[in-house]
Amino acid sequence: MSMRPQRLYEFGPYWLDTAEQLLLRDGKPVPLTPKAFETLVALVQRSGHLVEKDELMKAVVGSFRRRVEPDQQRVCAEKVARPR
């Protein structure tokens, strides 16, 4: 038996489908940039746990070599957190 990661998450009025890269609020798509979506997935997958900055950056940026500036991190986090 293989262990497949969870692909559907429900929280409040939101549904997050990681396989389809889709976030729905009350059944309507919520537009997110790819990095904002990856940030949301990383945070949702670690729900209930403190996520250190380095862990989050590794999950979102992965093996990218370029440096992500703190201002870019803030903008990405604001897009994820902004209520629609």
N, C-alpha and C. Protein backbone atom coordinates (compact mmCIF):
# COMPACT_ATOMS: atom_id res chain seq x y z
N MET A 1 0.85 -1.18 0.00
CA MET A 1 0.00 0.00 0.00
C MET A 1 0.90 1.24 0.00
N SER A 2 0.63 2.17 -0.91
CA SER A 2 1.43 3.39 -0.98
C SER A 2 0.77 4.49 -0.16
N MET A 3 1.62 5.34 0.39
CA MET A 3 1.12 6.48 1.16
C MET A 3 1.04 7.68 0.23
N ARG A 4 -0.17 8.10 -0.08
CA ARG A 4 -0.35 9.27 -0.93
C ARG A 4 -0.66 10.47 -0.04
N PRO A 5 -0.06 11.62 -0.35
CA PRO A 5 -0.37 12.80 0.45
C PRO A 5 -1.82 13.22 0.24
N GLN A 6 -2.39 13.81 1.26
CA GLN A 6 -3.75 14.31 1.16
C GLN A 6 -3.80 15.37 0.09
N ARG A 7 -4.84 15.36 -0.72
CA ARG A 7 -4.93 16.35 -1.78
C ARG A 7 -6.07 17.33 -1.59
N LEU A 8 -7.02 17.03 -0.73
CA LEU A 8 -8.15 17.93 -0.48
C LEU A 8 -8.17 18.37 0.98
N TYR A 9 -8.31 19.67 1.18
CA TYR A 9 -8.39 20.22 2.53
C TYR A 9 -9.60 21.13 2.59
N GLU A 10 -10.30 21.10 3.70
CA GLU A 10 -11.43 22.00 3.90
C GLU A 10 -11.19 22.79 5.19
N PHE A 11 -11.33 24.10 5.10
CA PHE A 11 -11.21 24.94 6.29
C PHE A 11 -12.13 26.14 6.09
N GLY A 12 -13.06 26.29 7.02
CA GLY A 12 -14.04 27.36 6.91
C GLY A 12 -14.77 27.26 5.58
N PRO A 13 -14.92 28.37 4.86
CA PRO A 13 -15.61 28.34 3.57
C PRO A 13 -14.71 27.90 2.41
N TYR A 14 -13.48 27.48 2.72
CA TYR A 14 -12.49 27.17 1.68
C TYR A 14 -12.34 25.68 1.43
N TRP A 15 -12.08 25.34 0.18
CA TRP A 15 -11.65 24.00 -0.25
C TRP A 15 -10.35 24.19 -1.01
N LEU A 16 -9.34 23.42 -0.63
CA LEU A 16 -8.04 23.48 -1.28
C LEU A 16 -7.77 22.12 -1.92
N ASP A 17 -7.61 22.12 -3.23
CA ASP A 17 -7.31 20.90 -3.99
C ASP A 17 -5.89 21.03 -4.50
N THR A 18 -4.96 20.31 -3.86
CA THR A 18 -3.55 20.45 -4.22
C THR A 18 -3.24 19.82 -5.57
N ALA A 19 -3.96 18.76 -5.94
CA ALA A 19 -3.69 18.11 -7.23
C ALA A 19 -4.10 19.00 -8.39
N GLU A 20 -5.19 19.72 -8.23
CA GLU A 20 -5.70 20.60 -9.29
C GLU A 20 -5.17 22.03 -9.15
N GLN A 21 -4.43 22.28 -8.09
CA GLN A 21 -3.92 23.62 -7.77
C GLN A 21 -5.07 24.64 -7.81
N LEU A 22 -6.06 24.36 -6.97
CA LEU A 22 -7.28 25.15 -6.97
C LEU A 22 -7.70 25.46 -5.53
N LEU A 23 -8.02 26.72 -5.29
CA LEU A 23 -8.59 27.15 -4.02
C LEU A 23 -9.98 27.69 -4.31
N LEU A 24 -10.96 27.16 -3.60
CA LEU A 24 -12.34 27.62 -3.75
C LEU A 24 -12.81 28.23 -2.44
N ARG A 25 -13.57 29.30 -2.56
CA ARG A 25 -14.24 29.89 -1.40
C ARG A 25 -15.71 29.93 -1.73
N ASP A 26 -16.50 29.24 -0.92
CA ASP A 26 -17.94 29.14 -1.17
C ASP A 26 -18.19 28.66 -2.60
N GLY A 27 -17.35 27.74 -3.08
CA GLY A 27 -17.53 27.15 -4.40
C GLY A 27 -17.00 27.97 -5.56
N LYS A 28 -16.44 29.14 -5.28
CA LYS A 28 -15.93 30.00 -6.35
C LYS A 28 -14.41 30.02 -6.30
N PRO A 29 -13.75 29.96 -7.46
CA PRO A 29 -12.28 29.98 -7.49
C PRO A 29 -11.70 31.27 -6.91
N VAL A 30 -10.63 31.11 -6.16
CA VAL A 30 -9.89 32.24 -5.60
C VAL A 30 -8.57 32.32 -6.38
N PRO A 31 -8.34 33.42 -7.09
CA PRO A 31 -7.10 33.52 -7.86
C PRO A 31 -5.89 33.71 -6.94
N LEU A 32 -4.87 32.89 -7.15
CA LEU A 32 -3.62 33.00 -6.40
C LEU A 32 -2.46 32.83 -7.37
N THR A 33 -1.38 33.53 -7.11
CA THR A 33 -0.17 33.29 -7.89
C THR A 33 0.36 31.91 -7.51
N PRO A 34 1.19 31.32 -8.35
CA PRO A 34 1.75 30.00 -8.02
C PRO A 34 2.48 29.98 -6.67
N LYS A 35 3.27 31.01 -6.38
CA LYS A 35 3.99 31.04 -5.10
C LYS A 35 3.04 31.20 -3.92
N ALA A 36 2.00 32.01 -4.08
CA ALA A 36 1.01 32.16 -3.01
C ALA A 36 0.30 30.84 -2.77
N PHE A 37 -0.02 30.12 -3.84
CA PHE A 37 -0.66 28.81 -3.70
C PHE A 37 0.27 27.84 -2.98
N GLU A 38 1.53 27.80 -3.36
CA GLU A 38 2.50 26.90 -2.72
C GLU A 38 2.66 27.25 -1.24
N THR A 39 2.65 28.54 -0.92
CA THR A 39 2.75 28.97 0.47
C THR A 39 1.54 28.49 1.26
N LEU A 40 0.36 28.65 0.70
CA LEU A 40 -0.87 28.19 1.35
C LEU A 40 -0.82 26.69 1.58
N VAL A 41 -0.43 25.93 0.58
CA VAL A 41 -0.36 24.47 0.72
C VAL A 41 0.61 24.10 1.84
N ALA A 42 1.78 24.72 1.85
CA ALA A 42 2.77 24.42 2.88
C ALA A 42 2.22 24.70 4.27
N LEU A 43 1.50 25.80 4.43
CA LEU A 43 0.94 26.14 5.74
C LEU A 43 -0.22 25.22 6.12
N VAL A 44 -1.08 24.90 5.17
CA VAL A 44 -2.22 24.03 5.45
C VAL A 44 -1.73 22.62 5.81
N GLN A 45 -0.72 22.14 5.12
CA GLN A 45 -0.19 20.80 5.40
C GLN A 45 0.45 20.73 6.78
N ARG A 46 0.80 21.87 7.35
CA ARG A 46 1.42 21.92 8.68
C ARG A 46 0.47 22.54 9.70
N SER A 47 -0.81 22.51 9.42
CA SER A 47 -1.81 23.12 10.28
C SER A 47 -1.65 22.64 11.73
N GLY A 48 -1.72 23.60 12.65
CA GLY A 48 -1.61 23.28 14.05
C GLY A 48 -0.18 23.24 14.57
N HIS A 49 0.78 23.49 13.69
CA HIS A 49 2.19 23.45 14.07
C HIS A 49 2.85 24.78 13.72
N LEU A 50 3.81 25.16 14.52
CA LEU A 50 4.61 26.32 14.23
C LEU A 50 5.48 26.02 13.02
N VAL A 51 5.46 26.90 12.04
CA VAL A 51 6.27 26.71 10.83
C VAL A 51 7.37 27.76 10.85
N GLU A 52 8.59 27.30 11.01
CA GLU A 52 9.73 28.20 11.00
C GLU A 52 9.93 28.77 9.59
N LYS A 53 10.48 29.96 9.52
CA LYS A 53 10.71 30.63 8.24
C LYS A 53 11.53 29.75 7.30
N ASP A 54 12.61 29.16 7.80
CA ASP A 54 13.47 28.34 6.94
C ASP A 54 12.72 27.12 6.39
N GLU A 55 11.88 26.51 7.23
CA GLU A 55 11.10 25.36 6.78
C GLU A 55 10.11 25.77 5.70
N LEU A 56 9.45 26.90 5.90
CA LEU A 56 8.49 27.39 4.92
C LEU A 56 9.18 27.73 3.61
N MET A 57 10.30 28.40 3.70
CA MET A 57 11.03 28.77 2.49
C MET A 57 11.50 27.53 1.73
N LYS A 58 11.96 26.52 2.45
CA LYS A 58 12.39 25.29 1.79
C LYS A 58 11.21 24.61 1.09
N ALA A 59 10.04 24.63 1.75
CA ALA A 59 8.86 24.01 1.15
C ALA A 59 8.38 24.76 -0.08
N VAL A 60 8.45 26.08 -0.03
CA VAL A 60 7.92 26.89 -1.13
C VAL A 60 8.93 27.10 -2.24
N VAL A 61 10.13 27.45 -1.87
CA VAL A 61 11.16 27.76 -2.86
C VAL A 61 11.87 26.49 -3.31
N GLY A 62 11.95 25.51 -2.42
CA GLY A 62 12.58 24.24 -2.76
C GLY A 62 14.04 24.40 -3.11
N SER A 63 14.39 23.89 -4.26
CA SER A 63 15.80 23.88 -4.65
C SER A 63 16.19 25.12 -5.45
N PHE A 64 15.30 26.10 -5.53
CA PHE A 64 15.65 27.32 -6.25
C PHE A 64 16.87 27.94 -5.60
N ARG A 65 17.75 28.48 -6.39
CA ARG A 65 18.97 29.07 -5.87
C ARG A 65 18.82 30.56 -5.59
N ARG A 66 17.81 31.19 -6.17
CA ARG A 66 17.69 32.63 -5.98
C ARG A 66 17.18 32.94 -4.59
N ARG A 67 17.57 34.08 -4.11
CA ARG A 67 17.19 34.52 -2.78
C ARG A 67 15.81 35.19 -2.84
N VAL A 68 14.96 34.87 -1.90
CA VAL A 68 13.65 35.50 -1.82
C VAL A 68 13.73 36.60 -0.77
N GLU A 69 13.48 37.81 -1.19
CA GLU A 69 13.58 38.96 -0.31
C GLU A 69 12.42 38.98 0.69
N PRO A 70 12.66 39.51 1.89
CA PRO A 70 11.60 39.58 2.90
C PRO A 70 10.35 40.30 2.40
N ASP A 71 10.51 41.32 1.57
CA ASP A 71 9.35 42.03 1.04
C ASP A 71 8.51 41.12 0.16
N GLN A 72 9.15 40.26 -0.62
CA GLN A 72 8.43 39.31 -1.46
C GLN A 72 7.68 38.31 -0.58
N GLN A 73 8.30 37.88 0.51
CA GLN A 73 7.65 36.95 1.44
C GLN A 73 6.40 37.59 2.03
N ARG A 74 6.51 38.85 2.42
CA ARG A 74 5.39 39.56 3.02
C ARG A 74 4.22 39.67 2.04
N VAL A 75 4.51 40.03 0.80
CA VAL A 75 3.47 40.17 -0.21
C VAL A 75 2.78 38.84 -0.43
N CYS A 76 3.55 37.77 -0.52
CA CYS A 76 2.98 36.44 -0.72
C CYS A 76 2.10 36.04 0.45
N ALA A 77 2.56 36.26 1.67
CA ALA A 77 1.79 35.92 2.86
C ALA A 77 0.51 36.75 2.93
N GLU A 78 0.58 38.03 2.55
CA GLU A 78 -0.62 38.88 2.57
C GLU A 78 -1.67 38.39 1.57
N LYS A 79 -1.23 37.93 0.40
CA LYS A 79 -2.18 37.43 -0.60
C LYS A 79 -2.90 36.19 -0.09
N VAL A 80 -2.18 35.33 0.62
CA VAL A 80 -2.77 34.11 1.16
C VAL A 80 -3.74 34.46 2.29
N ALA A 81 -3.36 35.40 3.14
CA ALA A 81 -4.15 35.71 4.32
C ALA A 81 -5.34 36.64 4.07
N ARG A 82 -5.30 37.37 2.95
CA ARG A 82 -6.34 38.37 2.67
C ARG A 82 -7.70 37.70 2.48
N PRO A 83 -8.70 38.08 3.27
CA PRO A 83 -10.05 37.54 3.08
C PRO A 83 -10.65 38.04 1.78
N ARG A 84 -11.39 37.22 1.16
CA ARG A 84 -12.03 37.58 -0.12
C ARG A 84 -13.51 37.77 0.08
